[in-house]
Amino acid sequence: MMRAVTLILTVLLLLLQYPLWIGKGSWLKVWDMNRQLEAQQQVNQQTRARNALLDAEVRDLKQGTEAIEERARSELGMIKRDEVFYQILENRPSQKTDKPVAPQPAVSGTRK
């Protein structure tokens, strides 16, 4: 009689534990969802940072000409009208010259 009660209680305990470990809202599924949530939050943070950089660049381009001028200078090598361009050349240790190099004024206008 005692064995039957013990067996019935053990079976009931196992039936109650099934949803906790393997069922629809189990610990394993909760753990997996938390892992997916953390991965998605990391992706979202990277996307926010990228969007912030793009937003700042768009605002710069809309508000002023400084960003456009900077790109024209660095990427296209352009200069303004009546602006003098100086190019500084570094002397290599094996090439020592006694003559100073005078700066050359750039041609005014834009280059294509």
C-alpha atoms as a PDB file:
ATOM      1  CA  MET A   1       0.000   0.000   0.000  1.00  0.00           C
ATOM      2  CA  MET A   2       2.792   2.429   0.941  1.00  0.00           C
ATOM      3  CA  ARG A   3       4.636   1.599  -2.272  1.00  0.00           C
ATOM      4  CA  ALA A   4       1.595   2.440  -4.368  1.00  0.00           C
ATOM      5  CA  VAL A   5       1.164   5.840  -2.671  1.00  0.00           C
ATOM      6  CA  THR A   6       4.870   6.593  -3.128  1.00  0.00           C
ATOM      7  CA  LEU A   7       4.686   5.578  -6.781  1.00  0.00           C
ATOM      8  CA  ILE A   8       1.568   7.710  -7.384  1.00  0.00           C
ATOM      9  CA  LEU A   9       3.139  10.734  -5.693  1.00  0.00           C
ATOM     10  CA  THR A  10       6.354  10.307  -7.715  1.00  0.00           C
ATOM     11  CA  VAL A  11       4.387  10.138 -10.972  1.00  0.00           C
ATOM     12  CA  LEU A  12       2.396  13.258  -9.999  1.00  0.00           C
ATOM     13  CA  LEU A  13       5.603  15.094  -9.143  1.00  0.00           C
ATOM     14  CA  LEU A  14       7.085  14.181 -12.532  1.00  0.00           C
ATOM     15  CA  LEU A  15       3.906  15.296 -14.309  1.00  0.00           C
ATOM     16  CA  LEU A  16       4.048  18.644 -12.511  1.00  0.00           C
ATOM     17  CA  GLN A  17       7.744  19.076 -13.358  1.00  0.00           C
ATOM     18  CA  TYR A  18       7.263  18.376 -17.103  1.00  0.00           C
ATOM     19  CA  PRO A  19       5.887  21.848 -18.007  1.00  0.00           C
ATOM     20  CA  LEU A  20       8.562  23.512 -15.897  1.00  0.00           C
ATOM     21  CA  TRP A  21      11.485  21.871 -17.724  1.00  0.00           C
ATOM     22  CA  ILE A  22      10.193  20.879 -21.170  1.00  0.00           C
ATOM     23  CA  GLY A  23       6.759  22.484 -21.776  1.00  0.00           C
ATOM     24  CA  LYS A  24       5.681  25.658 -23.536  1.00  0.00           C
ATOM     25  CA  GLY A  25       6.989  28.144 -20.921  1.00  0.00           C
ATOM     26  CA  SER A  26       9.897  26.015 -19.714  1.00  0.00           C
ATOM     27  CA  TRP A  27      13.151  27.195 -18.192  1.00  0.00           C
ATOM     28  CA  LEU A  28      15.008  26.138 -21.335  1.00  0.00           C
ATOM     29  CA  LYS A  29      12.813  28.306 -23.550  1.00  0.00           C
ATOM     30  CA  VAL A  30      13.105  31.257 -21.166  1.00  0.00           C
ATOM     31  CA  TRP A  31      16.904  30.884 -21.159  1.00  0.00           C
ATOM     32  CA  ASP A  32      16.968  30.711 -24.981  1.00  0.00           C
ATOM     33  CA  MET A  33      14.726  33.778 -25.287  1.00  0.00           C
ATOM     34  CA  ASN A  34      16.981  35.742 -22.893  1.00  0.00           C
ATOM     35  CA  ARG A  35      20.006  34.806 -25.002  1.00  0.00           C
ATOM     36  CA  GLN A  36      18.236  35.964 -28.182  1.00  0.00           C
ATOM     37  CA  LEU A  37      17.137  39.178 -26.453  1.00  0.00           C
ATOM     38  CA  GLU A  38      20.702  40.027 -25.419  1.00  0.00           C
ATOM     39  CA  ALA A  39      21.977  39.389 -28.950  1.00  0.00           C
ATOM     40  CA  GLN A  40      19.264  41.616 -30.443  1.00  0.00           C
ATOM     41  CA  GLN A  41      19.962  44.381 -27.911  1.00  0.00           C
ATOM     42  CA  GLN A  42      23.619  44.349 -28.941  1.00  0.00           C
ATOM     43  CA  VAL A  43      22.655  44.625 -32.625  1.00  0.00           C
ATOM     44  CA  ASN A  44      20.265  47.463 -31.765  1.00  0.00           C
ATOM     45  CA  GLN A  45      22.997  49.343 -29.876  1.00  0.00           C
ATOM     46  CA  GLN A  46      25.370  49.084 -32.848  1.00  0.00           C
ATOM     47  CA  THR A  47      22.618  50.287 -35.164  1.00  0.00           C
ATOM     48  CA  ARG A  48      21.855  53.245 -32.871  1.00  0.00           C
ATOM     49  CA  ALA A  49      25.519  54.266 -32.884  1.00  0.00           C
ATOM     50  CA  ARG A  50      25.696  54.057 -36.696  1.00  0.00           C
ATOM     51  CA  ASN A  51      22.472  56.035 -37.036  1.00  0.00           C
ATOM     52  CA  ALA A  52      23.776  58.722 -34.681  1.00  0.00           C
ATOM     53  CA  LEU A  53      26.895  59.148 -36.839  1.00  0.00           C
ATOM     54  CA  LEU A  54      24.822  59.351 -40.005  1.00  0.00           C
ATOM     55  CA  ASP A  55      22.430  61.826 -38.377  1.00  0.00           C
ATOM     56  CA  ALA A  56      25.317  64.069 -37.326  1.00  0.00           C
ATOM     57  CA  GLU A  57      26.753  63.983 -40.837  1.00  0.00           C
ATOM     58  CA  VAL A  58      23.367  64.844 -42.394  1.00  0.00           C
ATOM     59  CA  ARG A  59      22.922  67.764 -39.984  1.00  0.00           C
ATOM     60  CA  ASP A  60      26.417  69.047 -40.841  1.00  0.00           C
ATOM     61  CA  LEU A  61      25.685  68.867 -44.551  1.00  0.00           C
ATOM     62  CA  LYS A  62      22.336  70.633 -44.160  1.00  0.00           C
ATOM     63  CA  GLN A  63      23.508  73.424 -41.849  1.00  0.00           C
ATOM     64  CA  GLY A  64      26.791  74.612 -43.219  1.00  0.00           C
ATOM     65  CA  THR A  65      29.402  74.425 -45.882  1.00  0.00           C
ATOM     66  CA  GLU A  66      32.288  73.448 -43.592  1.00  0.00           C
ATOM     67  CA  ALA A  67      31.751  69.723 -44.084  1.00  0.00           C
ATOM     68  CA  ILE A  68      31.481  70.172 -47.846  1.00  0.00           C
ATOM     69  CA  GLU A  69      34.656  72.271 -47.911  1.00  0.00           C
ATOM     70  CA  GLU A  70      36.497  69.701 -45.809  1.00  0.00           C
ATOM     71  CA  ARG A  71      35.537  66.894 -48.176  1.00  0.00           C
ATOM     72  CA  ALA A  72      36.428  68.968 -51.232  1.00  0.00           C
ATOM     73  CA  ARG A  73      39.856  69.708 -49.765  1.00  0.00           C
ATOM     74  CA  SER A  74      40.710  66.225 -48.525  1.00  0.00           C
ATOM     75  CA  GLU A  75      39.134  64.047 -51.211  1.00  0.00           C
ATOM     76  CA  LEU A  76      39.347  66.257 -54.303  1.00  0.00           C
ATOM     77  CA  GLY A  77      42.338  68.461 -53.451  1.00  0.00           C
ATOM     78  CA  MET A  78      40.374  71.657 -54.141  1.00  0.00           C
ATOM     79  CA  ILE A  79      41.248  75.135 -52.863  1.00  0.00           C
ATOM     80  CA  LYS A  80      39.321  78.429 -52.642  1.00  0.00           C
ATOM     81  CA  ARG A  81      39.834  81.413 -54.917  1.00  0.00           C
ATOM     82  CA  ASP A  82      42.740  83.641 -53.885  1.00  0.00           C
ATOM     83  CA  GLU A  83      43.916  80.989 -51.440  1.00  0.00           C
ATOM     84  CA  VAL A  84      47.575  80.014 -51.281  1.00  0.00           C
ATOM     85  CA  PHE A  85      48.382  76.336 -51.036  1.00  0.00           C
ATOM     86  CA  TYR A  86      51.561  75.331 -49.230  1.00  0.00           C
ATOM     87  CA  GLN A  87      52.962  71.861 -49.527  1.00  0.00           C
ATOM     88  CA  ILE A  88      55.506  70.911 -46.890  1.00  0.00           C
ATOM     89  CA  LEU A  89      58.003  68.294 -47.921  1.00  0.00           C
ATOM     90  CA  GLU A  90      59.952  66.432 -45.287  1.00  0.00           C
ATOM     91  CA  ASN A  91      63.682  66.089 -45.793  1.00  0.00           C
ATOM     92  CA  ARG A  92      64.918  62.544 -45.750  1.00  0.00           C
ATOM     93  CA  PRO A  93      68.071  61.906 -43.675  1.00  0.00           C
ATOM     94  CA  SER A  94      70.029  60.851 -46.781  1.00  0.00           C
ATOM     95  CA  GLN A  95      68.987  63.979 -48.717  1.00  0.00           C
ATOM     96  CA  LYS A  96      70.261  67.133 -47.035  1.00  0.00           C
ATOM     97  CA  THR A  97      69.901  70.339 -48.975  1.00  0.00           C
ATOM     98  CA  ASP A  98      71.128  73.757 -47.949  1.00  0.00           C
ATOM     99  CA  LYS A  99      68.654  75.601 -50.151  1.00  0.00           C
ATOM    100  CA  PRO A 100      65.313  76.440 -48.545  1.00  0.00           C
ATOM    101  CA  VAL A 101      62.263  75.445 -50.512  1.00  0.00           C
ATOM    102  CA  ALA A 102      59.989  78.413 -51.223  1.00  0.00           C
ATOM    103  CA  PRO A 103      56.246  77.743 -51.118  1.00  0.00           C
ATOM    104  CA  GLN A 104      54.510  77.772 -54.486  1.00  0.00           C
ATOM    105  CA  PRO A 105      51.168  79.584 -54.748  1.00  0.00           C
ATOM    106  CA  ALA A 106      48.443  77.419 -56.168  1.00  0.00           C
ATOM    107  CA  VAL A 107      46.496  78.295 -59.256  1.00  0.00           C
ATOM    108  CA  SER A 108      43.289  80.058 -58.244  1.00  0.00           C
ATOM    109  CA  GLY A 109      39.997  78.502 -59.218  1.00  0.00           C
ATOM    110  CA  THR A 110      38.685  74.995 -58.983  1.00  0.00           C
ATOM    111  CA  ARG A 111      40.144  71.873 -60.444  1.00  0.00           C
ATOM    112  CA  LYS A 112      38.199  69.241 -62.263  1.00  0.00           C
END
